C-alpha atoms as a PDB file:
ATOM      1  CA  MET A   1      85.640 139.687  56.647  1.00  0.00           C
ATOM      2  CA  SER A   2      82.170 138.253  57.473  1.00  0.00           C
ATOM      3  CA  PRO A   3      80.778 138.551  61.393  1.00  0.00           C
ATOM      4  CA  ARG A   4      79.647 134.985  61.100  1.00  0.00           C
ATOM      5  CA  PRO A   5      82.423 132.157  61.212  1.00  0.00           C
ATOM      6  CA  MET A   6      82.609 130.104  58.088  1.00  0.00           C
ATOM      7  CA  MET A   7      80.619 126.650  58.491  1.00  0.00           C
ATOM      8  CA  THR A   8      83.947 124.849  57.542  1.00  0.00           C
ATOM      9  CA  ASP A   9      85.682 126.378  60.755  1.00  0.00           C
ATOM     10  CA  VAL A  10      82.891 125.249  62.899  1.00  0.00           C
ATOM     11  CA  GLY A  11      82.668 121.972  61.237  1.00  0.00           C
ATOM     12  CA  LEU A  12      86.511 121.080  61.652  1.00  0.00           C
ATOM     13  CA  LEU A  13      86.231 122.363  65.424  1.00  0.00           C
ATOM     14  CA  GLN A  14      83.224 120.061  65.920  1.00  0.00           C
ATOM     15  CA  ASN A  15      85.301 117.204  64.329  1.00  0.00           C
ATOM     16  CA  MET A  16      88.176 117.793  66.725  1.00  0.00           C
ATOM     17  CA  LEU A  17      86.145 117.862  69.767  1.00  0.00           C
ATOM     18  CA  ASN A  18      83.715 115.125  68.903  1.00  0.00           C
ATOM     19  CA  PRO A  19      85.498 112.898  66.254  1.00  0.00           C
ATOM     20  CA  PRO A  20      83.448 110.934  63.901  1.00  0.00           C
ATOM     21  CA  LYS A  21      82.779 107.256  64.971  1.00  0.00           C
ATOM     22  CA  GLU A  22      84.497 104.720  62.626  1.00  0.00           C
ATOM     23  CA  ASP A  23      82.782 101.603  61.846  1.00  0.00           C
ATOM     24  CA  SER A  24      84.528  99.129  64.309  1.00  0.00           C
ATOM     25  CA  ASP A  25      83.464  95.991  66.473  1.00  0.00           C
ATOM     26  CA  SER A  26      83.849  97.749  69.586  1.00  0.00           C
ATOM     27  CA  GLU A  27      82.056 100.874  70.257  1.00  0.00           C
ATOM     28  CA  ASP A  28      83.550 102.816  73.499  1.00  0.00           C
ATOM     29  CA  ASP A  29      81.696 105.725  74.967  1.00  0.00           C
ATOM     30  CA  ASN A  30      84.948 107.211  75.973  1.00  0.00           C
ATOM     31  CA  ASP A  31      86.186 108.137  72.506  1.00  0.00           C
ATOM     32  CA  ASN A  32      86.594 111.778  73.490  1.00  0.00           C
ATOM     33  CA  ALA A  33      89.282 110.548  75.937  1.00  0.00           C
ATOM     34  CA  LYS A  34      91.623 110.015  73.035  1.00  0.00           C
ATOM     35  CA  TYR A  35      92.099 113.819  72.502  1.00  0.00           C
ATOM     36  CA  THR A  36      93.629 115.827  75.401  1.00  0.00           C
ATOM     37  CA  PRO A  37      95.055 119.332  75.338  1.00  0.00           C
ATOM     38  CA  GLY A  38      98.527 117.791  75.233  1.00  0.00           C
ATOM     39  CA  ASP A  39      97.627 116.379  71.761  1.00  0.00           C
ATOM     40  CA  ILE A  40      97.390 119.798  70.324  1.00  0.00           C
ATOM     41  CA  GLY A  41     100.539 121.114  68.438  1.00  0.00           C
ATOM     42  CA  THR A  42     103.556 118.922  67.674  1.00  0.00           C
ATOM     43  CA  SER A  43     104.375 115.688  69.133  1.00  0.00           C
ATOM     44  CA  LYS A  44     107.472 115.740  71.514  1.00  0.00           C
ATOM     45  CA  PRO A  45     109.783 112.852  71.193  1.00  0.00           C
ATOM     46  CA  LYS A  46     109.760 110.497  74.352  1.00  0.00           C
ATOM     47  CA  SER A  47     112.754 110.623  76.645  1.00  0.00           C
ATOM     48  CA  LYS A  48     114.884 107.614  76.741  1.00  0.00           C
ATOM     49  CA  VAL A  49     115.736 108.419  80.340  1.00  0.00           C
ATOM     50  CA  PRO A  50     114.079 105.706  82.540  1.00  0.00           C
ATOM     51  CA  ASP A  51     111.613 106.875  85.203  1.00  0.00           C
ATOM     52  CA  ILE A  52     113.578 106.848  88.526  1.00  0.00           C
ATOM     53  CA  VAL A  53     111.992 106.363  91.796  1.00  0.00           C
ATOM     54  CA  PRO A  54     113.680 108.875  94.316  1.00  0.00           C
ATOM     55  CA  SER A  55     115.237 107.413  97.339  1.00  0.00           C
ATOM     56  CA  THR A  56     113.436 109.471  99.868  1.00  0.00           C
ATOM     57  CA  VAL A  57     110.242 107.620  99.110  1.00  0.00           C
ATOM     58  CA  LYS A  58     109.729 105.506 102.089  1.00  0.00           C
ATOM     59  CA  LYS A  59     107.439 102.242 102.322  1.00  0.00           C
ATOM     60  CA  GLN A  60     103.950 102.534 103.893  1.00  0.00           C
ATOM     61  CA  PRO A  61     103.826 101.914 107.753  1.00  0.00           C
ATOM     62  CA  LYS A  62     102.399  98.462 108.850  1.00  0.00           C
ATOM     63  CA  GLY A  63      99.302  97.908 110.716  1.00  0.00           C
ATOM     64  CA  LYS A  64      97.709 100.985 112.319  1.00  0.00           C
ATOM     65  CA  ASP A  65     100.718 102.978 112.673  1.00  0.00           C
ATOM     66  CA  ILE A  66     100.678 106.426 111.324  1.00  0.00           C
ATOM     67  CA  TRP A  67     104.719 106.294 110.618  1.00  0.00           C
ATOM     68  CA  ASP A  68     107.431 103.823 110.251  1.00  0.00           C
ATOM     69  CA  ALA A  69     110.277 103.755 112.583  1.00  0.00           C
ATOM     70  CA  GLU A  70     112.645 104.823 109.986  1.00  0.00           C
ATOM     71  CA  PHE A  71     110.898 108.302 109.982  1.00  0.00           C
ATOM     72  CA  VAL A  72     111.685 109.178 113.437  1.00  0.00           C
ATOM     73  CA  GLU A  73     114.844 111.177 113.997  1.00  0.00           C
ATOM     74  CA  GLU A  74     117.774 109.636 115.844  1.00  0.00           C
ATOM     75  CA  GLY A  75     117.838 110.252 119.567  1.00  0.00           C
ATOM     76  CA  VAL A  76     114.214 110.743 119.715  1.00  0.00           C
ATOM     77  CA  PRO A  77     112.576 107.371 121.682  1.00  0.00           C
ATOM     78  CA  THR A  78     109.652 105.912 119.708  1.00  0.00           C
ATOM     79  CA  GLU A  79     108.059 104.481 123.110  1.00  0.00           C
ATOM     80  CA  LEU A  80     105.850 106.982 124.215  1.00  0.00           C
ATOM     81  CA  ASP A  81     104.068 104.822 126.758  1.00  0.00           C
ATOM     82  CA  ASP A  82     104.706 107.503 129.709  1.00  0.00           C
ATOM     83  CA  SER A  83     101.660 107.623 131.882  1.00  0.00           C
ATOM     84  CA  ARG A  84     103.086 110.751 133.818  1.00  0.00           C
ATOM     85  CA  PRO A  85     101.099 113.942 133.269  1.00  0.00           C
ATOM     86  CA  GLN A  86     102.375 117.129 131.465  1.00  0.00           C
ATOM     87  CA  PRO A  87     103.114 120.040 133.735  1.00  0.00           C
ATOM     88  CA  GLN A  88     101.749 123.601 133.229  1.00  0.00           C
ATOM     89  CA  TYR A  89     104.217 125.702 131.035  1.00  0.00           C
ATOM     90  CA  ASP A  90     104.425 129.283 129.711  1.00  0.00           C
ATOM     91  CA  MET A  91     106.281 130.182 126.654  1.00  0.00           C
ATOM     92  CA  LYS A  92     107.226 133.846 125.883  1.00  0.00           C
ATOM     93  CA  PHE A  93     109.410 135.529 123.433  1.00  0.00           C
ATOM     94  CA  LYS A  94     111.826 138.399 124.843  1.00  0.00           C
ATOM     95  CA  GLN A  95     113.345 141.191 122.860  1.00  0.00           C
ATOM     96  CA  ASN A  96     116.297 142.890 124.106  1.00  0.00           C
ATOM     97  CA  VAL A  97     116.170 146.657 123.565  1.00  0.00           C
ATOM     98  CA  GLY A  98     117.931 149.617 125.157  1.00  0.00           C
ATOM     99  CA  THR A  99     117.351 153.410 125.007  1.00  0.00           C
ATOM    100  CA  GLU A 100     118.826 153.738 121.410  1.00  0.00           C
ATOM    101  CA  ASP A 101     116.042 151.194 120.208  1.00  0.00           C
ATOM    102  CA  VAL A 102     113.449 152.852 121.913  1.00  0.00           C
ATOM    103  CA  PHE A 103     113.887 156.394 121.371  1.00  0.00           C
ATOM    104  CA  LEU A 104     116.167 156.690 118.580  1.00  0.00           C
ATOM    105  CA  GLY A 105     115.359 153.176 116.596  1.00  0.00           C
ATOM    106  CA  MET A 106     118.930 152.701 115.650  1.00  0.00           C
ATOM    107  CA  SER A 107     119.382 149.097 115.713  1.00  0.00           C
ATOM    108  CA  GLY A 108     116.768 148.466 113.149  1.00  0.00           C
ATOM    109  CA  LYS A 109     114.608 146.115 115.280  1.00  0.00           C
ATOM    110  CA  ASP A 110     110.943 145.881 115.142  1.00  0.00           C
ATOM    111  CA  PRO A 111     108.374 144.370 116.994  1.00  0.00           C
ATOM    112  CA  SER A 112     108.624 141.074 115.159  1.00  0.00           C
ATOM    113  CA  THR A 113     112.230 140.482 115.901  1.00  0.00           C
ATOM    114  CA  ASN A 114     112.901 138.206 119.025  1.00  0.00           C
ATOM    115  CA  ASP A 115     116.314 137.482 120.851  1.00  0.00           C
ATOM    116  CA  GLU A 116     115.114 134.766 123.521  1.00  0.00           C
ATOM    117  CA  LEU A 117     112.724 132.351 124.209  1.00  0.00           C
ATOM    118  CA  ILE A 118     111.623 132.035 127.861  1.00  0.00           C
ATOM    119  CA  LEU A 119     110.069 128.800 128.829  1.00  0.00           C
ATOM    120  CA  THR A 120     108.601 128.591 132.464  1.00  0.00           C
ATOM    121  CA  ILE A 121     107.551 124.995 133.456  1.00  0.00           C
ATOM    122  CA  ASP A 122     105.533 124.608 136.770  1.00  0.00           C
ATOM    123  CA  LEU A 123     106.721 121.552 138.664  1.00  0.00           C
ATOM    124  CA  PRO A 124     104.574 121.387 141.980  1.00  0.00           C
ATOM    125  CA  ASN A 125     106.042 119.107 144.861  1.00  0.00           C
ATOM    126  CA  THR A 126     109.330 118.653 142.970  1.00  0.00           C
ATOM    127  CA  LYS A 127     112.936 119.124 144.287  1.00  0.00           C
ATOM    128  CA  ARG A 128     115.516 120.513 142.154  1.00  0.00           C
ATOM    129  CA  SER A 129     117.545 117.363 142.290  1.00  0.00           C
ATOM    130  CA  ASP A 130     114.681 115.273 140.887  1.00  0.00           C
ATOM    131  CA  ILE A 131     114.636 117.264 137.604  1.00  0.00           C
ATOM    132  CA  ASP A 132     116.059 115.558 134.596  1.00  0.00           C
ATOM    133  CA  LEU A 133     116.582 118.234 131.687  1.00  0.00           C
ATOM    134  CA  ASN A 134     117.479 117.711 128.153  1.00  0.00           C
ATOM    135  CA  VAL A 135     117.436 120.678 125.689  1.00  0.00           C
ATOM    136  CA  THR A 136     118.357 120.391 121.911  1.00  0.00           C
ATOM    137  CA  ASP A 137     117.977 123.045 119.209  1.00  0.00           C
ATOM    138  CA  GLU A 138     114.288 122.145 118.512  1.00  0.00           C
ATOM    139  CA  ARG A 139     112.957 120.630 121.454  1.00  0.00           C
ATOM    140  CA  VAL A 140     113.009 120.522 125.397  1.00  0.00           C
ATOM    141  CA  ASP A 141     112.549 117.338 127.446  1.00  0.00           C
ATOM    142  CA  CYS A 142     111.896 117.542 131.137  1.00  0.00           C
ATOM    143  CA  TRP A 143     111.228 114.746 133.503  1.00  0.00           C
ATOM    144  CA  THR A 144     110.535 114.379 137.137  1.00  0.00           C
ATOM    145  CA  PRO A 145     109.161 111.541 139.105  1.00  0.00           C
ATOM    146  CA  ALA A 146     105.734 113.068 138.756  1.00  0.00           C
ATOM    147  CA  TYR A 147     105.703 114.845 135.631  1.00  0.00           C
ATOM    148  CA  ALA A 148     106.927 114.357 131.894  1.00  0.00           C
ATOM    149  CA  LEU A 149     107.157 117.269 129.310  1.00  0.00           C
ATOM    150  CA  ARG A 150     108.415 116.660 125.541  1.00  0.00           C
ATOM    151  CA  LEU A 151     107.939 119.836 123.833  1.00  0.00           C
ATOM    152  CA  HIS A 152     108.956 120.843 120.220  1.00  0.00           C
ATOM    153  CA  LEU A 153     110.053 124.525 120.244  1.00  0.00           C
ATOM    154  CA  PRO A 154     108.266 126.896 117.727  1.00  0.00           C
ATOM    155  CA  LYS A 155     111.759 128.215 116.707  1.00  0.00           C
ATOM    156  CA  PRO A 156     115.241 126.852 116.777  1.00  0.00           C
ATOM    157  CA  VAL A 157     117.434 127.900 119.640  1.00  0.00           C
ATOM    158  CA  VAL A 158     120.969 127.860 120.532  1.00  0.00           C
ATOM    159  CA  SER A 159     120.983 125.118 123.220  1.00  0.00           C
ATOM    160  CA  ASP A 160     124.399 125.260 124.444  1.00  0.00           C
ATOM    161  CA  GLN A 161     124.097 128.853 125.376  1.00  0.00           C
ATOM    162  CA  GLY A 162     120.855 128.751 127.211  1.00  0.00           C
ATOM    163  CA  GLY A 163     120.356 128.930 130.952  1.00  0.00           C
ATOM    164  CA  ALA A 164     118.087 127.323 133.634  1.00  0.00           C
ATOM    165  CA  GLN A 165     116.960 128.649 136.889  1.00  0.00           C
ATOM    166  CA  TRP A 166     115.053 126.884 139.771  1.00  0.00           C
ATOM    167  CA  ILE A 167     112.676 129.153 141.546  1.00  0.00           C
ATOM    168  CA  THR A 168     112.146 127.465 144.825  1.00  0.00           C
ATOM    169  CA  ASP A 169     109.181 129.626 146.219  1.00  0.00           C
ATOM    170  CA  LYS A 170     107.176 129.179 143.141  1.00  0.00           C
ATOM    171  CA  GLU A 171     108.398 125.721 142.270  1.00  0.00           C
ATOM    172  CA  GLN A 172     109.070 126.721 138.756  1.00  0.00           C
ATOM    173  CA  LEU A 173     111.908 125.757 135.995  1.00  0.00           C
ATOM    174  CA  ARG A 174     112.693 128.834 133.909  1.00  0.00           C
ATOM    175  CA  LEU A 175     114.633 128.138 130.905  1.00  0.00           C
ATOM    176  CA  THR A 176     116.290 131.282 129.073  1.00  0.00           C
ATOM    177  CA  LEU A 177     117.275 130.147 125.407  1.00  0.00           C
ATOM    178  CA  PRO A 178     118.833 132.508 122.872  1.00  0.00           C
ATOM    179  CA  LEU A 179     117.011 132.006 119.378  1.00  0.00           C
ATOM    180  CA  LYS A 180     119.068 131.252 116.320  1.00  0.00           C
ATOM    181  CA  LYS A 181     119.439 134.117 113.978  1.00  0.00           C
ATOM    182  CA  GLU A 182     119.443 133.952 110.278  1.00  0.00           C
ATOM    183  CA  PHE A 183     122.794 135.794 110.021  1.00  0.00           C
ATOM    184  CA  ASP A 184     124.438 134.720 113.333  1.00  0.00           C
ATOM    185  CA  PHE A 185     127.557 133.657 111.370  1.00  0.00           C
ATOM    186  CA  LEU A 186     128.268 137.338 110.158  1.00  0.00           C
ATOM    187  CA  PRO A 187     130.512 139.665 112.497  1.00  0.00           C
END
């Protein structure tokens, strides 16, 4: 076996990468575009199945809109012309631990597992009777005559098991919402 490649191999490679131009009336500079990596090897038969456009493909929105009305979930109003300011809020995650967790580590909990979401909303100069609250598994909506809060939650919650508490002296609404666990359906 010789250390230099044979001239015929190099010539064949050159012909494959840069095929010689045939005499024709139209000379394109894009003759190299005829050969792609897909052309190497045996050719596969073309499928007789027609291309199907998925039904999930939606039409482009009209005008300057960034989404179309059919992209918005049901129950979420598309009119967001509320001029009321958003109140200050604080969101914290809470983990319920006992002595067996702290000292013995028996429950298998680690610092990344959370049990509840605590949402505290500051509503100054607001009466408890003026608050309109709507909590779903993925969002919290809180309206008062002076404030409007539409908040998407970072993790899904069990909305029908949550609780709300009005703290009169601080004028705060505190929501305690249990987080949905991956294996809640198991006993």
